[in-house]
N, C-alpha and C. Protein backbone atom coordinates (compact mmCIF):
# COMPACT_ATOMS: atom_id res chain seq x y z
N MET A 1 -178.07 -140.35 -176.48
CA MET A 1 -176.90 -140.48 -177.42
C MET A 1 -175.58 -140.20 -176.60
N LYS A 2 -175.65 -139.19 -175.72
CA LYS A 2 -174.46 -138.84 -174.97
C LYS A 2 -174.07 -139.97 -174.12
N LYS A 3 -175.07 -140.68 -173.46
CA LYS A 3 -174.79 -141.78 -172.53
C LYS A 3 -174.19 -142.92 -173.37
N ALA A 4 -174.70 -143.17 -174.54
CA ALA A 4 -174.25 -144.20 -175.33
C ALA A 4 -172.73 -144.00 -175.73
N ARG A 5 -172.39 -142.77 -176.09
CA ARG A 5 -171.02 -142.36 -176.37
C ARG A 5 -170.13 -142.57 -175.17
N LEU A 6 -170.61 -142.21 -174.02
CA LEU A 6 -169.75 -142.38 -172.74
C LEU A 6 -169.58 -143.81 -172.46
N SER A 7 -170.66 -144.58 -172.64
CA SER A 7 -170.57 -146.12 -172.37
C SER A 7 -169.55 -146.70 -173.32
N LEU A 8 -169.62 -146.34 -174.64
CA LEU A 8 -168.70 -146.92 -175.60
C LEU A 8 -167.25 -146.43 -175.23
N ARG A 9 -167.13 -145.23 -174.84
CA ARG A 9 -165.74 -144.75 -174.44
C ARG A 9 -165.21 -145.47 -173.24
N ILE A 10 -166.02 -145.72 -172.23
CA ILE A 10 -165.65 -146.46 -171.00
C ILE A 10 -165.31 -147.85 -171.38
N PHE A 11 -166.19 -148.49 -172.14
CA PHE A 11 -165.92 -149.85 -172.53
C PHE A 11 -164.61 -149.96 -173.33
N SER A 12 -164.32 -149.05 -174.26
CA SER A 12 -163.15 -148.99 -174.97
C SER A 12 -161.93 -148.86 -174.12
N LEU A 13 -161.99 -148.01 -173.05
CA LEU A 13 -160.94 -147.79 -172.13
C LEU A 13 -160.63 -149.14 -171.33
N LEU A 14 -161.71 -149.72 -170.84
CA LEU A 14 -161.53 -151.06 -170.16
C LEU A 14 -160.87 -152.07 -171.09
N LEU A 15 -161.37 -152.12 -172.31
CA LEU A 15 -160.75 -153.06 -173.22
C LEU A 15 -159.32 -152.84 -173.46
N LEU A 16 -158.96 -151.50 -173.73
CA LEU A 16 -157.59 -151.09 -173.84
C LEU A 16 -156.73 -151.46 -172.68
N ILE A 17 -157.24 -151.28 -171.51
CA ILE A 17 -156.54 -151.63 -170.27
C ILE A 17 -156.20 -153.15 -170.21
N PHE A 18 -157.21 -153.94 -170.51
CA PHE A 18 -157.03 -155.37 -170.51
C PHE A 18 -156.18 -155.86 -171.57
N LEU A 19 -156.20 -155.19 -172.80
CA LEU A 19 -155.23 -155.61 -173.80
C LEU A 19 -153.84 -155.22 -173.65
N LEU A 20 -153.69 -154.08 -173.00
CA LEU A 20 -152.26 -153.59 -172.67
C LEU A 20 -151.59 -154.53 -171.69
N ALA A 21 -152.46 -155.28 -170.86
CA ALA A 21 -151.83 -156.17 -169.89
C ALA A 21 -151.00 -157.27 -170.60
N ALA A 22 -151.17 -157.49 -171.82
CA ALA A 22 -150.45 -158.52 -172.61
C ALA A 22 -148.91 -158.07 -172.60
N CYS A 23 -148.61 -156.82 -172.34
CA CYS A 23 -147.28 -156.38 -172.33
C CYS A 23 -146.45 -156.79 -171.11
N ALA A 24 -147.17 -157.21 -170.04
CA ALA A 24 -146.54 -157.64 -168.82
C ALA A 24 -145.62 -158.77 -168.99
N THR A 25 -144.54 -158.86 -168.16
CA THR A 25 -143.64 -160.03 -168.36
C THR A 25 -143.74 -161.18 -167.41
N LYS A 26 -144.35 -160.95 -166.21
CA LYS A 26 -144.65 -162.07 -165.31
C LYS A 26 -145.86 -161.71 -164.48
N THR A 27 -146.37 -162.54 -163.68
CA THR A 27 -147.51 -162.26 -162.86
C THR A 27 -147.22 -162.38 -161.37
N PRO A 28 -147.81 -161.51 -160.57
CA PRO A 28 -147.75 -161.67 -159.16
C PRO A 28 -148.58 -162.93 -158.74
N ARG A 29 -148.22 -163.49 -157.67
CA ARG A 29 -149.14 -164.62 -157.16
C ARG A 29 -150.24 -164.05 -156.36
N ILE A 30 -151.42 -164.62 -156.62
CA ILE A 30 -152.63 -164.21 -155.90
C ILE A 30 -153.62 -165.30 -155.86
N GLU A 31 -154.35 -165.57 -154.84
CA GLU A 31 -155.29 -166.52 -154.79
C GLU A 31 -156.61 -165.90 -155.41
N PRO A 32 -157.18 -166.55 -156.45
CA PRO A 32 -158.33 -165.94 -157.01
C PRO A 32 -159.64 -166.08 -156.09
N PRO A 33 -160.59 -165.22 -156.34
CA PRO A 33 -161.77 -165.30 -155.54
C PRO A 33 -162.46 -166.65 -155.57
N SER A 34 -163.11 -167.13 -154.54
CA SER A 34 -163.86 -168.32 -154.54
C SER A 34 -164.88 -168.35 -155.68
N GLY A 35 -165.03 -169.48 -156.31
CA GLY A 35 -165.98 -169.61 -157.39
C GLY A 35 -165.57 -169.15 -158.76
N PHE A 36 -164.30 -168.67 -158.95
CA PHE A 36 -163.83 -168.18 -160.20
C PHE A 36 -162.98 -169.25 -160.85
N ALA A 37 -163.14 -169.35 -162.15
CA ALA A 37 -162.28 -170.37 -162.92
C ALA A 37 -161.06 -169.59 -163.30
N THR A 38 -159.87 -170.18 -163.17
CA THR A 38 -158.60 -169.50 -163.37
C THR A 38 -157.92 -169.96 -164.65
N TYR A 39 -157.25 -168.96 -165.21
CA TYR A 39 -156.42 -169.15 -166.32
C TYR A 39 -155.13 -168.36 -166.14
N SER A 40 -154.01 -168.97 -166.62
CA SER A 40 -152.76 -168.26 -166.33
C SER A 40 -151.78 -168.64 -167.43
N ASP A 41 -150.88 -167.70 -167.79
CA ASP A 41 -149.73 -168.03 -168.51
C ASP A 41 -148.64 -167.16 -168.09
N ARG A 42 -147.47 -167.06 -168.81
CA ARG A 42 -146.34 -166.36 -168.37
C ARG A 42 -146.64 -164.88 -168.25
N GLU A 43 -147.46 -164.35 -169.03
CA GLU A 43 -147.62 -162.96 -169.10
C GLU A 43 -148.71 -162.40 -168.14
N ASP A 44 -149.81 -163.15 -167.94
CA ASP A 44 -150.83 -162.66 -167.07
C ASP A 44 -151.62 -163.79 -166.45
N SER A 45 -152.35 -163.47 -165.45
CA SER A 45 -153.12 -164.46 -164.76
C SER A 45 -154.56 -163.83 -164.62
N TRP A 46 -155.52 -164.59 -164.97
CA TRP A 46 -156.91 -164.06 -164.84
C TRP A 46 -157.84 -165.17 -164.46
N ALA A 47 -158.99 -164.76 -163.99
CA ALA A 47 -160.03 -165.61 -163.50
C ALA A 47 -161.38 -165.01 -163.92
N ILE A 48 -162.41 -165.77 -164.05
CA ILE A 48 -163.72 -165.32 -164.36
C ILE A 48 -164.84 -166.05 -163.56
N SER A 49 -165.79 -165.32 -163.08
CA SER A 49 -166.95 -165.95 -162.40
C SER A 49 -167.94 -166.51 -163.42
N PRO A 50 -168.83 -167.33 -162.97
CA PRO A 50 -169.84 -167.89 -163.85
C PRO A 50 -170.73 -166.75 -164.50
N GLU A 51 -170.83 -165.66 -163.81
CA GLU A 51 -171.65 -164.54 -164.22
C GLU A 51 -170.83 -163.59 -165.07
N GLY A 52 -169.55 -163.81 -165.32
CA GLY A 52 -168.80 -162.96 -166.21
C GLY A 52 -168.00 -161.83 -165.54
N VAL A 53 -167.81 -161.88 -164.17
CA VAL A 53 -166.98 -160.90 -163.49
C VAL A 53 -165.48 -161.27 -163.77
N LEU A 54 -164.75 -160.38 -164.42
CA LEU A 54 -163.33 -160.58 -164.77
C LEU A 54 -162.38 -160.23 -163.70
N PHE A 55 -161.36 -161.08 -163.40
CA PHE A 55 -160.33 -160.81 -162.36
C PHE A 55 -158.97 -161.03 -163.01
N ARG A 56 -158.09 -160.01 -162.99
CA ARG A 56 -156.79 -160.14 -163.71
C ARG A 56 -155.70 -159.53 -162.80
N SER A 57 -154.58 -160.18 -162.83
CA SER A 57 -153.43 -159.71 -162.14
C SER A 57 -152.17 -159.70 -163.01
N ARG A 58 -151.34 -158.66 -162.84
CA ARG A 58 -150.15 -158.51 -163.70
C ARG A 58 -149.12 -157.64 -163.03
N TYR A 59 -147.92 -157.65 -163.60
CA TYR A 59 -146.90 -156.64 -163.22
C TYR A 59 -146.70 -155.69 -164.31
N GLU A 60 -146.38 -154.49 -164.04
CA GLU A 60 -145.85 -153.44 -164.99
C GLU A 60 -144.64 -152.90 -164.40
N ASP A 61 -143.78 -152.45 -165.32
CA ASP A 61 -142.56 -151.72 -164.88
C ASP A 61 -142.83 -150.59 -164.05
N HIS A 62 -142.05 -150.36 -162.95
CA HIS A 62 -142.32 -149.26 -162.03
C HIS A 62 -141.44 -148.10 -162.60
N HIS A 63 -142.04 -147.34 -163.58
CA HIS A 63 -141.26 -146.32 -164.17
C HIS A 63 -142.25 -145.17 -164.55
N PRO A 64 -142.03 -143.98 -164.08
CA PRO A 64 -140.95 -143.58 -163.25
C PRO A 64 -141.16 -144.04 -161.85
N GLU A 65 -140.14 -144.27 -161.09
CA GLU A 65 -140.24 -144.74 -159.70
C GLU A 65 -140.80 -143.62 -158.87
N GLN A 66 -142.01 -143.94 -158.36
CA GLN A 66 -142.71 -143.04 -157.45
C GLN A 66 -143.38 -143.80 -156.36
N GLY A 67 -143.82 -143.17 -155.38
CA GLY A 67 -144.50 -143.80 -154.20
C GLY A 67 -145.99 -144.22 -154.55
N LEU A 68 -146.52 -145.00 -153.58
CA LEU A 68 -147.96 -145.35 -153.71
C LEU A 68 -148.87 -144.13 -153.77
N ASN A 69 -148.59 -143.10 -153.06
CA ASN A 69 -149.43 -141.91 -153.09
C ASN A 69 -149.39 -141.21 -154.40
N PHE A 70 -148.24 -141.17 -155.12
CA PHE A 70 -148.22 -140.59 -156.48
C PHE A 70 -149.04 -141.37 -157.35
N TRP A 71 -148.87 -142.69 -157.48
CA TRP A 71 -149.63 -143.54 -158.38
C TRP A 71 -151.07 -143.50 -158.12
N SER A 72 -151.47 -143.41 -156.75
CA SER A 72 -152.94 -143.36 -156.47
C SER A 72 -153.57 -142.06 -157.04
N ARG A 73 -152.86 -140.91 -156.85
CA ARG A 73 -153.36 -139.67 -157.38
C ARG A 73 -153.45 -139.68 -158.92
N ALA A 74 -152.44 -140.26 -159.52
CA ALA A 74 -152.38 -140.31 -161.01
C ALA A 74 -153.52 -141.22 -161.56
N LEU A 75 -153.79 -142.32 -160.91
CA LEU A 75 -154.87 -143.21 -161.36
C LEU A 75 -156.14 -142.50 -161.15
N GLU A 76 -156.36 -141.94 -159.96
CA GLU A 76 -157.61 -141.28 -159.64
C GLU A 76 -157.91 -140.16 -160.68
N LYS A 77 -156.92 -139.28 -160.92
CA LYS A 77 -157.14 -138.31 -161.90
C LYS A 77 -157.46 -138.75 -163.27
N HIS A 78 -156.72 -139.81 -163.70
CA HIS A 78 -156.93 -140.31 -165.13
C HIS A 78 -158.34 -140.90 -165.25
N LEU A 79 -158.75 -141.70 -164.30
CA LEU A 79 -160.08 -142.37 -164.48
C LEU A 79 -161.24 -141.45 -164.24
N ILE A 80 -161.16 -140.44 -163.34
CA ILE A 80 -162.13 -139.40 -163.21
C ILE A 80 -162.28 -138.59 -164.48
N ASP A 81 -161.14 -138.26 -165.02
CA ASP A 81 -161.15 -137.50 -166.30
C ASP A 81 -161.69 -138.33 -167.46
N SER A 82 -161.65 -139.62 -167.31
CA SER A 82 -162.23 -140.50 -168.31
C SER A 82 -163.66 -140.82 -168.18
N GLY A 83 -164.25 -140.30 -167.13
CA GLY A 83 -165.72 -140.48 -166.91
C GLY A 83 -166.15 -141.42 -165.86
N TYR A 84 -165.20 -142.06 -165.16
CA TYR A 84 -165.54 -143.00 -164.09
C TYR A 84 -165.98 -142.25 -162.84
N SER A 85 -166.89 -142.84 -162.03
CA SER A 85 -167.27 -142.28 -160.73
C SER A 85 -166.64 -143.08 -159.70
N LEU A 86 -165.95 -142.46 -158.73
CA LEU A 86 -165.30 -143.20 -157.68
C LEU A 86 -166.25 -143.58 -156.63
N ILE A 87 -166.28 -144.92 -156.35
CA ILE A 87 -167.09 -145.46 -155.35
C ILE A 87 -166.53 -145.38 -154.02
N ARG A 88 -165.32 -145.92 -153.89
CA ARG A 88 -164.54 -145.94 -152.66
C ARG A 88 -163.07 -146.27 -152.92
N THR A 89 -162.23 -145.91 -151.99
CA THR A 89 -160.86 -146.27 -152.05
C THR A 89 -160.48 -146.85 -150.64
N GLU A 90 -159.61 -147.88 -150.64
CA GLU A 90 -159.22 -148.57 -149.39
C GLU A 90 -157.72 -148.90 -149.48
N ASP A 91 -157.11 -148.88 -148.33
CA ASP A 91 -155.78 -149.43 -148.26
C ASP A 91 -155.82 -150.95 -147.90
N PHE A 92 -154.86 -151.70 -148.29
CA PHE A 92 -154.81 -153.14 -147.90
C PHE A 92 -153.35 -153.48 -147.77
N SER A 93 -153.12 -154.61 -147.05
CA SER A 93 -151.80 -155.12 -146.87
C SER A 93 -151.83 -156.57 -147.28
N SER A 94 -150.64 -157.03 -147.91
CA SER A 94 -150.51 -158.30 -148.42
C SER A 94 -149.00 -158.74 -148.15
N PRO A 95 -148.66 -160.03 -148.39
CA PRO A 95 -147.30 -160.41 -148.26
C PRO A 95 -146.37 -159.60 -149.24
N LEU A 96 -146.94 -159.01 -150.34
CA LEU A 96 -146.18 -158.18 -151.16
C LEU A 96 -145.90 -156.82 -150.63
N GLY A 97 -146.70 -156.37 -149.69
CA GLY A 97 -146.53 -155.04 -149.11
C GLY A 97 -147.91 -154.33 -149.07
N ASP A 98 -147.73 -153.09 -148.72
CA ASP A 98 -148.97 -152.14 -148.71
C ASP A 98 -149.53 -151.88 -150.08
N GLY A 99 -150.80 -151.76 -150.24
CA GLY A 99 -151.45 -151.48 -151.40
C GLY A 99 -152.65 -150.61 -151.26
N VAL A 100 -153.16 -150.15 -152.38
CA VAL A 100 -154.32 -149.39 -152.37
C VAL A 100 -155.32 -149.89 -153.44
N LEU A 101 -156.62 -149.87 -153.21
CA LEU A 101 -157.62 -150.30 -154.21
C LEU A 101 -158.64 -149.13 -154.43
N PHE A 102 -159.05 -149.07 -155.62
CA PHE A 102 -160.11 -148.10 -155.99
C PHE A 102 -161.26 -148.94 -156.67
N GLU A 103 -162.48 -148.59 -156.25
CA GLU A 103 -163.67 -149.12 -156.99
C GLU A 103 -164.35 -147.96 -157.65
N TRP A 104 -164.65 -148.18 -158.93
CA TRP A 104 -165.20 -147.25 -159.79
C TRP A 104 -166.49 -147.72 -160.35
N SER A 105 -167.42 -146.77 -160.72
CA SER A 105 -168.65 -147.16 -161.29
C SER A 105 -168.67 -146.55 -162.77
N ALA A 106 -169.24 -147.29 -163.64
CA ALA A 106 -169.36 -146.69 -165.05
C ALA A 106 -170.58 -147.32 -165.62
N PRO A 107 -171.36 -146.61 -166.37
CA PRO A 107 -172.45 -147.17 -167.07
C PRO A 107 -172.02 -147.96 -168.26
N PHE A 108 -172.59 -149.09 -168.49
CA PHE A 108 -172.30 -149.91 -169.66
C PHE A 108 -173.60 -150.49 -170.09
N ALA A 109 -173.91 -150.28 -171.26
CA ALA A 109 -175.17 -150.73 -171.95
C ALA A 109 -176.32 -150.23 -170.93
N ALA A 110 -177.11 -151.17 -170.43
CA ALA A 110 -178.31 -150.78 -169.67
C ALA A 110 -178.06 -150.90 -168.15
N GLU A 111 -176.78 -151.13 -167.77
CA GLU A 111 -176.53 -151.37 -166.35
C GLU A 111 -175.23 -150.72 -165.95
N SER A 112 -175.03 -150.56 -164.61
CA SER A 112 -173.75 -150.03 -164.03
C SER A 112 -172.87 -151.12 -163.83
N TRP A 113 -171.56 -150.89 -164.16
CA TRP A 113 -170.46 -151.83 -163.96
C TRP A 113 -169.56 -151.25 -162.84
N VAL A 114 -168.85 -152.22 -162.20
CA VAL A 114 -167.85 -151.80 -161.22
C VAL A 114 -166.56 -152.20 -161.82
N TYR A 115 -165.52 -151.37 -161.76
CA TYR A 115 -164.18 -151.61 -162.18
C TYR A 115 -163.30 -151.33 -161.00
N LEU A 116 -162.69 -152.37 -160.44
CA LEU A 116 -161.71 -152.27 -159.39
C LEU A 116 -160.32 -152.26 -159.92
N THR A 117 -159.56 -151.31 -159.44
CA THR A 117 -158.09 -151.28 -159.71
C THR A 117 -157.43 -151.29 -158.40
N ALA A 118 -156.42 -152.18 -158.18
CA ALA A 118 -155.69 -152.23 -157.01
C ALA A 118 -154.25 -152.36 -157.35
N PHE A 119 -153.37 -151.83 -156.61
CA PHE A 119 -151.91 -152.06 -156.89
C PHE A 119 -151.09 -151.94 -155.65
N SER A 120 -149.87 -152.51 -155.74
CA SER A 120 -148.88 -152.57 -154.68
C SER A 120 -147.52 -152.43 -155.38
N LEU A 121 -146.60 -151.75 -154.75
CA LEU A 121 -145.24 -151.61 -155.38
C LEU A 121 -144.41 -152.76 -154.78
N HIS A 122 -143.59 -153.33 -155.75
CA HIS A 122 -142.63 -154.36 -155.34
C HIS A 122 -141.37 -154.23 -156.20
N GLU A 123 -140.29 -153.74 -155.50
CA GLU A 123 -139.04 -153.60 -156.16
C GLU A 123 -139.18 -152.64 -157.39
N ASP A 124 -138.82 -153.19 -158.62
CA ASP A 124 -138.94 -152.27 -159.73
C ASP A 124 -140.29 -152.63 -160.60
N GLN A 125 -141.21 -153.16 -159.87
CA GLN A 125 -142.54 -153.59 -160.47
C GLN A 125 -143.63 -152.95 -159.79
N ILE A 126 -144.81 -152.81 -160.48
CA ILE A 126 -146.06 -152.49 -159.88
C ILE A 126 -147.00 -153.67 -160.09
N ALA A 127 -147.46 -154.29 -159.03
CA ALA A 127 -148.48 -155.39 -159.08
C ALA A 127 -149.78 -154.74 -159.24
N ILE A 128 -150.52 -155.05 -160.28
CA ILE A 128 -151.76 -154.52 -160.60
C ILE A 128 -152.81 -155.64 -160.60
N VAL A 129 -153.91 -155.41 -159.96
CA VAL A 129 -155.11 -156.35 -159.97
C VAL A 129 -156.28 -155.47 -160.42
N GLU A 130 -157.05 -156.03 -161.46
CA GLU A 130 -158.19 -155.42 -162.07
C GLU A 130 -159.28 -156.35 -161.98
N VAL A 131 -160.48 -155.92 -161.62
CA VAL A 131 -161.75 -156.64 -161.60
C VAL A 131 -162.82 -155.81 -162.35
N ALA A 132 -163.62 -156.38 -163.11
CA ALA A 132 -164.69 -155.71 -163.80
C ALA A 132 -165.86 -156.55 -163.95
N GLY A 133 -167.08 -156.03 -163.68
CA GLY A 133 -168.26 -156.86 -163.90
C GLY A 133 -169.52 -155.90 -163.52
N PRO A 134 -170.68 -156.53 -163.93
CA PRO A 134 -171.94 -155.80 -163.58
C PRO A 134 -172.06 -155.63 -162.06
N TYR A 135 -172.50 -154.41 -161.64
CA TYR A 135 -172.54 -154.10 -160.19
C TYR A 135 -173.13 -155.20 -159.32
N SER A 136 -174.28 -155.75 -159.73
CA SER A 136 -175.02 -156.76 -158.91
C SER A 136 -174.11 -157.95 -158.76
N HIS A 137 -173.44 -158.45 -159.72
CA HIS A 137 -172.63 -159.65 -159.67
C HIS A 137 -171.31 -159.35 -158.92
N TYR A 138 -170.82 -158.19 -159.15
CA TYR A 138 -169.55 -157.77 -158.46
C TYR A 138 -169.85 -157.81 -156.94
N GLN A 139 -170.99 -157.21 -156.52
CA GLN A 139 -171.35 -157.17 -155.09
C GLN A 139 -171.32 -158.57 -154.45
N GLU A 140 -171.84 -159.52 -155.21
CA GLU A 140 -171.91 -160.96 -154.70
C GLU A 140 -170.45 -161.43 -154.41
N TYR A 141 -169.49 -161.05 -155.06
CA TYR A 141 -168.12 -161.53 -154.92
C TYR A 141 -167.16 -160.52 -154.10
N ARG A 142 -167.67 -159.34 -153.80
CA ARG A 142 -166.77 -158.36 -153.30
C ARG A 142 -165.89 -158.77 -152.13
N ASP A 143 -166.54 -159.45 -151.10
CA ASP A 143 -165.78 -159.92 -149.94
C ASP A 143 -164.61 -160.82 -150.33
N ASP A 144 -164.98 -161.72 -151.27
CA ASP A 144 -163.91 -162.75 -151.69
C ASP A 144 -162.85 -162.00 -152.57
N ILE A 145 -163.20 -161.01 -153.31
CA ILE A 145 -162.23 -160.29 -154.09
C ILE A 145 -161.24 -159.51 -153.20
N ILE A 146 -161.77 -158.87 -152.16
CA ILE A 146 -160.95 -158.14 -151.12
C ILE A 146 -160.06 -159.11 -150.42
N ALA A 147 -160.62 -160.31 -150.11
CA ALA A 147 -159.74 -161.33 -149.39
C ALA A 147 -158.63 -161.75 -150.34
N SER A 148 -158.89 -161.87 -151.60
CA SER A 148 -157.85 -162.25 -152.54
C SER A 148 -156.80 -161.24 -152.67
N LEU A 149 -157.10 -159.90 -152.62
CA LEU A 149 -156.05 -158.97 -152.62
C LEU A 149 -155.07 -159.09 -151.44
N LYS A 150 -155.54 -159.55 -150.38
CA LYS A 150 -154.61 -159.76 -149.19
C LYS A 150 -153.68 -160.90 -149.41
N THR A 151 -153.87 -161.71 -150.41
CA THR A 151 -152.94 -162.85 -150.74
C THR A 151 -151.95 -162.49 -151.71
N LEU A 152 -151.86 -161.28 -152.26
CA LEU A 152 -150.98 -160.88 -153.29
C LEU A 152 -149.59 -160.96 -152.77
N SER A 153 -148.70 -161.83 -153.54
CA SER A 153 -147.35 -162.05 -153.11
C SER A 153 -146.42 -162.08 -154.34
N PRO A 154 -145.04 -161.97 -154.15
CA PRO A 154 -144.14 -161.94 -155.30
C PRO A 154 -144.11 -163.23 -156.03
């Protein structure tokens, strides 16, 4: 029962994060991973694999203005406090600038899911990329997802 509540809580948080993305005003440019179908409008850009791995990019206002280290610590604390398990963190570089990515694990239904959050600071905006999907399918696309992050541009 406790696992079911945690899974529902994590799913609700993921859903909330994706729904809040509708508040963004424009999208950063990024090449989607190979094999993903793409969809885009003025407010967000997303892609999906045939297996259902979701890939989304957006901008949020950079407020309060803080450095990459501050936002990394804030995200890590928030998601750990929300029940996610940190798999790994990596730095990356793109035409937009330096960024950091986090890969998280969370139980969902009968399987583990991976939730990637990556971001880079650009002027008064934070470029955010989110990826979520079942662990086994995420692993199939991981190299392409990381390569996509390196194409992030204004």
